[in-house]
């Protein structure tokens, strides 16, 4: 009988407690989620024109894309060109900026129309995206 009690005690002692390991894994997961930097994308493939004076705009809050087929996209969703100003104004805060990514093959008139619609909606910080080209 005594032997049976010792065997029961030894069985309990051989189990591995996984709770501390799970705690560490969850803490690491939270750390990686918090420290990850998220890159804003427009949601469509754009071939931007080159510029030797292009500078980075990390403060961009909303991305507007104009495709080669003259379709306007706001944060990955297609939007009518006449309603782009209201759509962008509802997404941007007072400190945030808007970056327009116009495809190299898109119409310049549509780019100006989109910029005017965004500015008429009350957003003053508007920039046009370009690839950093070779200094020439």
N, C-alpha and C. Protein backbone atom coordinates (compact mmCIF):
# COMPACT_ATOMS: atom_id res chain seq x y z
N UNK A 1 0.83 -1.18 0.00
CA UNK A 1 0.00 0.00 0.00
C UNK A 1 0.87 1.25 0.00
N UNK A 2 1.92 1.21 0.77
CA UNK A 2 2.84 2.34 0.82
C UNK A 2 3.49 2.56 -0.55
N UNK A 3 3.77 1.53 -1.22
CA UNK A 3 4.39 1.61 -2.52
C UNK A 3 3.46 2.32 -3.52
N UNK A 4 2.20 2.06 -3.44
CA UNK A 4 1.24 2.67 -4.34
C UNK A 4 1.19 4.19 -4.11
N UNK A 5 1.25 4.65 -2.87
CA UNK A 5 1.24 6.08 -2.58
C UNK A 5 2.48 6.77 -3.15
N UNK A 6 3.61 6.19 -3.02
CA UNK A 6 4.83 6.77 -3.58
C UNK A 6 4.75 6.85 -5.10
N UNK A 7 4.18 5.88 -5.71
CA UNK A 7 4.06 5.87 -7.16
C UNK A 7 3.10 6.98 -7.60
N UNK A 8 1.99 7.22 -6.89
CA UNK A 8 1.07 8.30 -7.20
C UNK A 8 1.73 9.66 -7.06
N UNK A 9 2.55 9.84 -6.05
CA UNK A 9 3.26 11.09 -5.84
C UNK A 9 4.26 11.32 -6.96
N UNK A 10 4.96 10.30 -7.38
CA UNK A 10 5.93 10.42 -8.46
C UNK A 10 5.25 10.75 -9.80
N UNK A 11 4.06 10.22 -10.05
CA UNK A 11 3.33 10.53 -11.29
C UNK A 11 2.96 12.00 -11.34
N UNK A 12 2.55 12.58 -10.21
CA UNK A 12 2.20 13.99 -10.17
C UNK A 12 3.43 14.87 -10.39
N UNK A 13 4.56 14.47 -9.88
CA UNK A 13 5.78 15.26 -9.98
C UNK A 13 6.36 15.24 -11.39
N UNK A 14 6.02 14.26 -12.20
CA UNK A 14 6.58 14.14 -13.54
C UNK A 14 5.83 14.99 -14.57
N UNK A 15 4.69 15.55 -14.25
CA UNK A 15 3.95 16.39 -15.19
C UNK A 15 4.66 17.72 -15.35
N UNK A 16 4.64 18.26 -16.56
CA UNK A 16 5.29 19.53 -16.86
C UNK A 16 4.24 20.63 -16.87
N UNK A 17 4.51 21.69 -16.16
CA UNK A 17 3.61 22.83 -16.10
C UNK A 17 3.92 23.76 -17.28
N UNK A 18 2.98 23.92 -18.21
CA UNK A 18 3.19 24.73 -19.41
C UNK A 18 2.74 26.18 -19.26
N UNK A 19 2.18 26.53 -18.14
CA UNK A 19 1.66 27.88 -17.95
C UNK A 19 2.73 28.96 -18.09
N UNK A 20 3.92 28.84 -17.50
CA UNK A 20 4.93 29.89 -17.68
C UNK A 20 5.38 30.03 -19.14
N UNK A 21 5.47 28.92 -19.85
CA UNK A 21 5.87 28.99 -21.26
C UNK A 21 4.81 29.72 -22.08
N UNK A 22 3.55 29.45 -21.82
CA UNK A 22 2.48 30.13 -22.55
C UNK A 22 2.48 31.62 -22.24
N UNK A 23 2.76 31.97 -20.99
CA UNK A 23 2.84 33.39 -20.63
C UNK A 23 3.94 34.09 -21.42
N UNK A 24 5.08 33.46 -21.53
CA UNK A 24 6.20 34.05 -22.27
C UNK A 24 5.85 34.19 -23.74
N UNK A 25 5.21 33.20 -24.32
CA UNK A 25 4.83 33.26 -25.74
C UNK A 25 3.84 34.40 -25.98
N UNK A 26 2.86 34.56 -25.11
CA UNK A 26 1.89 35.64 -25.28
C UNK A 26 2.54 37.01 -25.11
N UNK A 27 3.46 37.14 -24.18
CA UNK A 27 4.17 38.42 -24.00
C UNK A 27 4.99 38.74 -25.24
N UNK A 28 5.65 37.74 -25.81
CA UNK A 28 6.42 37.97 -27.04
C UNK A 28 5.51 38.36 -28.20
N UNK A 29 4.36 37.72 -28.29
CA UNK A 29 3.41 38.06 -29.34
C UNK A 29 2.95 39.50 -29.22
N UNK A 30 2.62 39.93 -28.03
CA UNK A 30 2.20 41.31 -27.81
C UNK A 30 3.33 42.27 -28.14
N UNK A 31 4.56 41.93 -27.77
CA UNK A 31 5.71 42.77 -28.08
C UNK A 31 5.87 42.94 -29.59
N UNK A 32 5.78 41.87 -30.36
CA UNK A 32 5.96 41.96 -31.80
C UNK A 32 4.82 42.71 -32.47
N UNK A 33 3.61 42.57 -31.96
CA UNK A 33 2.48 43.31 -32.54
C UNK A 33 2.65 44.80 -32.31
N UNK A 34 3.06 45.18 -31.12
CA UNK A 34 3.20 46.59 -30.78
C UNK A 34 4.36 47.24 -31.52
N UNK A 35 5.45 46.53 -31.69
CA UNK A 35 6.64 47.13 -32.31
C UNK A 35 6.64 47.06 -33.83
N UNK A 36 5.72 46.37 -34.43
CA UNK A 36 5.66 46.27 -35.89
C UNK A 36 5.23 47.60 -36.47
N UNK A 37 5.93 48.05 -37.48
CA UNK A 37 5.52 49.28 -38.16
C UNK A 37 4.66 48.89 -39.36
N UNK A 38 3.53 49.51 -39.45
CA UNK A 38 2.61 49.22 -40.53
C UNK A 38 2.82 50.21 -41.66
N UNK A 39 2.91 49.71 -42.88
CA UNK A 39 3.12 50.55 -44.05
C UNK A 39 1.78 50.74 -44.75
N UNK A 40 1.44 51.99 -44.99
CA UNK A 40 0.20 52.28 -45.69
C UNK A 40 0.39 52.03 -47.18
N UNK A 41 -0.52 51.31 -47.77
CA UNK A 41 -0.50 51.06 -49.20
C UNK A 41 -1.84 51.50 -49.77
N UNK A 42 -1.82 51.82 -51.06
CA UNK A 42 -3.05 52.31 -51.69
C UNK A 42 -3.99 51.18 -52.08
N UNK A 43 -3.50 49.96 -52.19
CA UNK A 43 -4.36 48.84 -52.51
C UNK A 43 -4.34 48.43 -53.97
N UNK A 44 -3.72 49.20 -54.83
CA UNK A 44 -3.60 48.86 -56.25
C UNK A 44 -2.15 49.06 -56.68
N UNK A 45 -1.80 48.41 -57.77
CA UNK A 45 -0.43 48.50 -58.29
C UNK A 45 -0.29 49.78 -59.11
N UNK A 46 0.64 50.64 -58.69
CA UNK A 46 0.85 51.94 -59.34
C UNK A 46 2.31 52.03 -59.79
N UNK A 47 2.52 52.49 -61.02
CA UNK A 47 3.87 52.78 -61.50
C UNK A 47 4.08 54.28 -61.39
N UNK A 48 4.77 54.69 -60.32
CA UNK A 48 4.94 56.11 -60.05
C UNK A 48 6.00 56.72 -60.95
N UNK A 49 5.85 57.99 -61.30
CA UNK A 49 6.90 58.67 -62.06
C UNK A 49 8.12 58.91 -61.19
N UNK A 50 9.28 59.14 -61.82
CA UNK A 50 10.52 59.36 -61.09
C UNK A 50 10.77 60.85 -60.88
N UNK A 51 11.42 61.16 -59.75
CA UNK A 51 11.80 62.52 -59.44
C UNK A 51 13.08 62.49 -58.62
N UNK A 52 14.02 63.36 -58.95
CA UNK A 52 15.26 63.40 -58.18
C UNK A 52 15.07 64.14 -56.86
N UNK A 53 13.98 64.88 -56.72
CA UNK A 53 13.72 65.66 -55.51
C UNK A 53 12.68 65.01 -54.60
N UNK A 54 12.36 63.74 -54.83
CA UNK A 54 11.35 63.06 -54.02
C UNK A 54 11.84 62.86 -52.59
N UNK A 55 10.96 63.13 -51.63
CA UNK A 55 11.29 62.92 -50.22
C UNK A 55 10.22 62.03 -49.58
N UNK A 56 10.61 61.34 -48.53
CA UNK A 56 9.68 60.43 -47.85
C UNK A 56 8.66 61.22 -47.05
N UNK A 57 7.42 60.69 -46.98
CA UNK A 57 6.34 61.29 -46.19
C UNK A 57 5.77 60.24 -45.24
N UNK A 58 6.43 59.99 -44.11
CA UNK A 58 5.93 58.96 -43.19
C UNK A 58 4.67 59.37 -42.45
N UNK A 59 4.29 60.65 -42.49
CA UNK A 59 3.11 61.12 -41.77
C UNK A 59 1.82 60.99 -42.57
N UNK A 60 1.89 60.37 -43.74
CA UNK A 60 0.70 60.23 -44.57
C UNK A 60 -0.33 59.35 -43.87
N UNK A 61 -1.54 59.88 -43.77
CA UNK A 61 -2.59 59.16 -43.07
C UNK A 61 -3.52 58.44 -44.06
N UNK A 62 -3.72 59.01 -45.23
CA UNK A 62 -4.61 58.43 -46.23
C UNK A 62 -3.86 58.36 -47.56
N UNK A 63 -4.00 57.22 -48.24
CA UNK A 63 -3.39 57.04 -49.55
C UNK A 63 -4.49 57.02 -50.61
N UNK A 64 -4.33 57.86 -51.63
CA UNK A 64 -5.25 57.90 -52.76
C UNK A 64 -4.47 57.45 -53.97
N UNK A 65 -5.02 56.53 -54.75
CA UNK A 65 -4.33 56.02 -55.93
C UNK A 65 -5.15 56.32 -57.18
N UNK A 66 -4.45 56.68 -58.24
CA UNK A 66 -5.07 56.87 -59.55
C UNK A 66 -4.38 55.89 -60.49
N UNK A 67 -5.13 54.92 -61.01
CA UNK A 67 -4.55 53.87 -61.83
C UNK A 67 -4.35 54.37 -63.27
N UNK A 68 -3.71 53.54 -64.07
CA UNK A 68 -3.48 53.87 -65.48
C UNK A 68 -4.80 53.96 -66.25
N UNK A 69 -5.82 53.29 -65.75
CA UNK A 69 -7.15 53.33 -66.38
C UNK A 69 -8.00 54.48 -65.84
N UNK A 70 -7.40 55.40 -65.09
CA UNK A 70 -8.06 56.57 -64.49
C UNK A 70 -9.14 56.19 -63.48
N UNK A 71 -8.91 55.12 -62.75
CA UNK A 71 -9.79 54.74 -61.64
C UNK A 71 -9.18 55.30 -60.35
N UNK A 72 -10.02 55.80 -59.46
CA UNK A 72 -9.56 56.40 -58.21
C UNK A 72 -9.85 55.43 -57.07
N UNK A 73 -8.82 55.18 -56.24
CA UNK A 73 -8.93 54.28 -55.09
C UNK A 73 -8.52 55.04 -53.84
N UNK A 74 -9.28 54.87 -52.76
CA UNK A 74 -8.96 55.48 -51.47
C UNK A 74 -8.83 54.36 -50.45
N UNK A 75 -7.62 54.18 -49.91
CA UNK A 75 -7.32 53.13 -48.93
C UNK A 75 -7.82 51.76 -49.37
N UNK A 76 -7.57 51.41 -50.62
CA UNK A 76 -7.90 50.08 -51.12
C UNK A 76 -9.32 49.90 -51.61
N UNK A 77 -10.12 50.95 -51.62
CA UNK A 77 -11.51 50.85 -52.07
C UNK A 77 -11.73 51.78 -53.27
N UNK A 78 -12.38 51.30 -54.34
CA UNK A 78 -12.65 52.19 -55.48
C UNK A 78 -13.67 53.27 -55.10
N UNK A 79 -13.40 54.49 -55.57
CA UNK A 79 -14.25 55.63 -55.24
C UNK A 79 -14.48 56.43 -56.52
N UNK A 80 -15.67 56.99 -56.65
CA UNK A 80 -15.96 57.87 -57.78
C UNK A 80 -15.13 59.15 -57.63
N UNK A 81 -14.60 59.64 -58.74
CA UNK A 81 -13.71 60.81 -58.70
C UNK A 81 -14.42 62.04 -58.14
N UNK A 82 -15.72 62.14 -58.30
CA UNK A 82 -16.47 63.31 -57.80
C UNK A 82 -16.71 63.24 -56.29
N UNK A 83 -16.61 62.05 -55.70
CA UNK A 83 -16.87 61.89 -54.27
C UNK A 83 -15.59 61.66 -53.47
N UNK A 84 -14.44 61.76 -54.11
CA UNK A 84 -13.18 61.45 -53.43
C UNK A 84 -12.89 62.44 -52.31
N UNK A 85 -13.26 63.70 -52.46
CA UNK A 85 -13.00 64.71 -51.44
C UNK A 85 -13.70 64.39 -50.13
N UNK A 86 -14.99 64.06 -50.20
CA UNK A 86 -15.75 63.73 -48.99
C UNK A 86 -15.24 62.45 -48.34
N UNK A 87 -14.87 61.48 -49.17
CA UNK A 87 -14.35 60.21 -48.65
C UNK A 87 -13.04 60.42 -47.90
N UNK A 88 -12.14 61.21 -48.47
CA UNK A 88 -10.84 61.46 -47.84
C UNK A 88 -11.01 62.31 -46.59
N UNK A 89 -11.88 63.31 -46.64
CA UNK A 89 -12.09 64.19 -45.48
C UNK A 89 -12.62 63.42 -44.28
N UNK A 90 -13.40 62.37 -44.53
CA UNK A 90 -13.92 61.58 -43.40
C UNK A 90 -12.85 60.67 -42.79
N UNK A 91 -11.78 60.39 -43.54
CA UNK A 91 -10.74 59.49 -43.05
C UNK A 91 -9.55 60.19 -42.41
N UNK A 92 -9.30 61.44 -42.77
CA UNK A 92 -8.09 62.13 -42.32
C UNK A 92 -8.40 62.99 -41.10
N UNK A 93 -7.44 63.06 -40.18
CA UNK A 93 -7.60 63.92 -39.00
C UNK A 93 -6.98 65.28 -39.30
N UNK A 94 -6.99 66.17 -38.31
CA UNK A 94 -6.47 67.52 -38.51
C UNK A 94 -4.96 67.51 -38.76
N UNK A 95 -4.23 66.61 -38.12
CA UNK A 95 -2.77 66.57 -38.27
C UNK A 95 -2.32 65.69 -39.42
N UNK A 96 -3.20 64.87 -39.96
CA UNK A 96 -2.81 63.90 -40.97
C UNK A 96 -2.71 64.50 -42.36
N UNK A 97 -1.99 63.80 -43.21
CA UNK A 97 -1.82 64.24 -44.58
C UNK A 97 -2.33 63.20 -45.56
N UNK A 98 -2.43 63.61 -46.82
CA UNK A 98 -2.91 62.75 -47.89
C UNK A 98 -1.81 62.67 -48.94
N UNK A 99 -1.54 61.46 -49.41
CA UNK A 99 -0.59 61.26 -50.49
C UNK A 99 -1.34 60.65 -51.67
N UNK A 100 -1.21 61.28 -52.83
CA UNK A 100 -1.83 60.78 -54.05
C UNK A 100 -0.77 60.06 -54.85
N UNK A 101 -1.03 58.78 -55.16
CA UNK A 101 -0.15 58.00 -56.00
C UNK A 101 -0.79 57.89 -57.38
N UNK A 102 -0.30 58.70 -58.30
CA UNK A 102 -0.84 58.69 -59.66
C UNK A 102 0.06 57.86 -60.54
N UNK A 103 -0.52 56.94 -61.30
CA UNK A 103 0.24 56.12 -62.22
C UNK A 103 0.83 56.98 -63.33
N UNK A 104 1.96 56.55 -63.83
CA UNK A 104 2.66 57.27 -64.90
C UNK A 104 1.77 57.45 -66.13
N UNK A 105 0.88 56.50 -66.38
CA UNK A 105 0.01 56.53 -67.57
C UNK A 105 -1.35 57.21 -67.31
N UNK A 106 -1.59 57.66 -66.10
CA UNK A 106 -2.88 58.29 -65.79
C UNK A 106 -2.96 59.70 -66.37
N UNK A 107 -4.16 60.23 -66.41
CA UNK A 107 -4.40 61.55 -66.97
C UNK A 107 -4.06 62.63 -65.94
N UNK A 108 -3.32 63.62 -66.38
CA UNK A 108 -2.95 64.72 -65.48
C UNK A 108 -4.18 65.50 -65.04
N UNK A 109 -5.15 65.64 -65.91
CA UNK A 109 -6.38 66.36 -65.57
C UNK A 109 -7.11 65.71 -64.40
N UNK A 110 -7.12 64.37 -64.38
CA UNK A 110 -7.78 63.67 -63.28
C UNK A 110 -7.01 63.88 -61.97
N UNK A 111 -5.69 63.91 -62.04
CA UNK A 111 -4.88 64.18 -60.84
C UNK A 111 -5.22 65.55 -60.27
N UNK A 112 -5.30 66.56 -61.12
CA UNK A 112 -5.64 67.92 -60.67
C UNK A 112 -7.06 67.95 -60.11
N UNK A 113 -7.99 67.25 -60.75
CA UNK A 113 -9.38 67.21 -60.27
C UNK A 113 -9.46 66.57 -58.89
N UNK A 114 -8.72 65.48 -58.68
CA UNK A 114 -8.72 64.80 -57.38
C UNK A 114 -8.08 65.70 -56.32
N UNK A 115 -6.96 66.36 -56.66
CA UNK A 115 -6.33 67.27 -55.70
C UNK A 115 -7.26 68.41 -55.32
N UNK A 116 -7.94 68.99 -56.30
CA UNK A 116 -8.89 70.08 -56.01
C UNK A 116 -10.04 69.60 -55.13
N UNK A 117 -10.56 68.40 -55.42
CA UNK A 117 -11.68 67.87 -54.62
C UNK A 117 -11.25 67.65 -53.17
N UNK A 118 -10.02 67.17 -52.98
CA UNK A 118 -9.53 66.93 -51.61
C UNK A 118 -9.33 68.26 -50.89
N UNK A 119 -8.76 69.24 -51.56
CA UNK A 119 -8.55 70.55 -50.93
C UNK A 119 -9.87 71.25 -50.67
N UNK A 120 -10.85 71.12 -51.57
CA UNK A 120 -12.17 71.72 -51.35
C UNK A 120 -12.88 71.09 -50.15
N UNK A 121 -12.54 69.85 -49.83
CA UNK A 121 -13.15 69.17 -48.69
C UNK A 121 -12.51 69.59 -47.37
N UNK A 122 -11.47 70.43 -47.43
CA UNK A 122 -10.87 70.96 -46.21
C UNK A 122 -9.55 70.34 -45.82
N UNK A 123 -8.96 69.52 -46.68
CA UNK A 123 -7.67 68.90 -46.39
C UNK A 123 -6.60 69.70 -47.13
N UNK A 124 -5.68 70.30 -46.36
CA UNK A 124 -4.66 71.15 -46.98
C UNK A 124 -3.35 70.43 -47.24
N UNK A 125 -3.03 69.40 -46.48
CA UNK A 125 -1.76 68.70 -46.60
C UNK A 125 -1.89 67.58 -47.63
N UNK A 126 -1.68 67.91 -48.91
CA UNK A 126 -1.80 66.96 -50.01
C UNK A 126 -0.47 66.90 -50.75
N UNK A 127 0.02 65.69 -51.01
CA UNK A 127 1.28 65.51 -51.73
C UNK A 127 1.07 64.47 -52.83
N UNK A 128 1.93 64.53 -53.85
CA UNK A 128 1.90 63.57 -54.95
C UNK A 128 3.14 62.70 -54.83
N UNK A 129 2.94 61.38 -54.90
CA UNK A 129 4.04 60.42 -54.71
C UNK A 129 4.84 60.27 -55.99
N UNK A 130 6.15 60.05 -55.83
CA UNK A 130 7.06 59.80 -56.94
C UNK A 130 8.15 58.86 -56.47
N UNK A 131 8.73 58.13 -57.41
CA UNK A 131 9.88 57.28 -57.11
C UNK A 131 11.12 58.15 -57.05
N UNK A 132 12.04 57.79 -56.17
CA UNK A 132 13.30 58.52 -56.09
C UNK A 132 14.16 58.08 -57.27
N UNK A 133 14.41 58.99 -58.20
CA UNK A 133 15.18 58.69 -59.39
C UNK A 133 16.64 59.03 -59.23
N UNK A 134 17.42 58.75 -60.25
CA UNK A 134 18.84 59.07 -60.22
C UNK A 134 19.03 60.56 -60.37
N UNK A 135 19.98 61.11 -59.61
CA UNK A 135 20.26 62.55 -59.73
C UNK A 135 20.89 62.81 -61.09
N UNK A 136 20.36 63.80 -61.76
CA UNK A 136 20.86 64.00 -63.10
C UNK A 136 21.11 65.39 -63.34
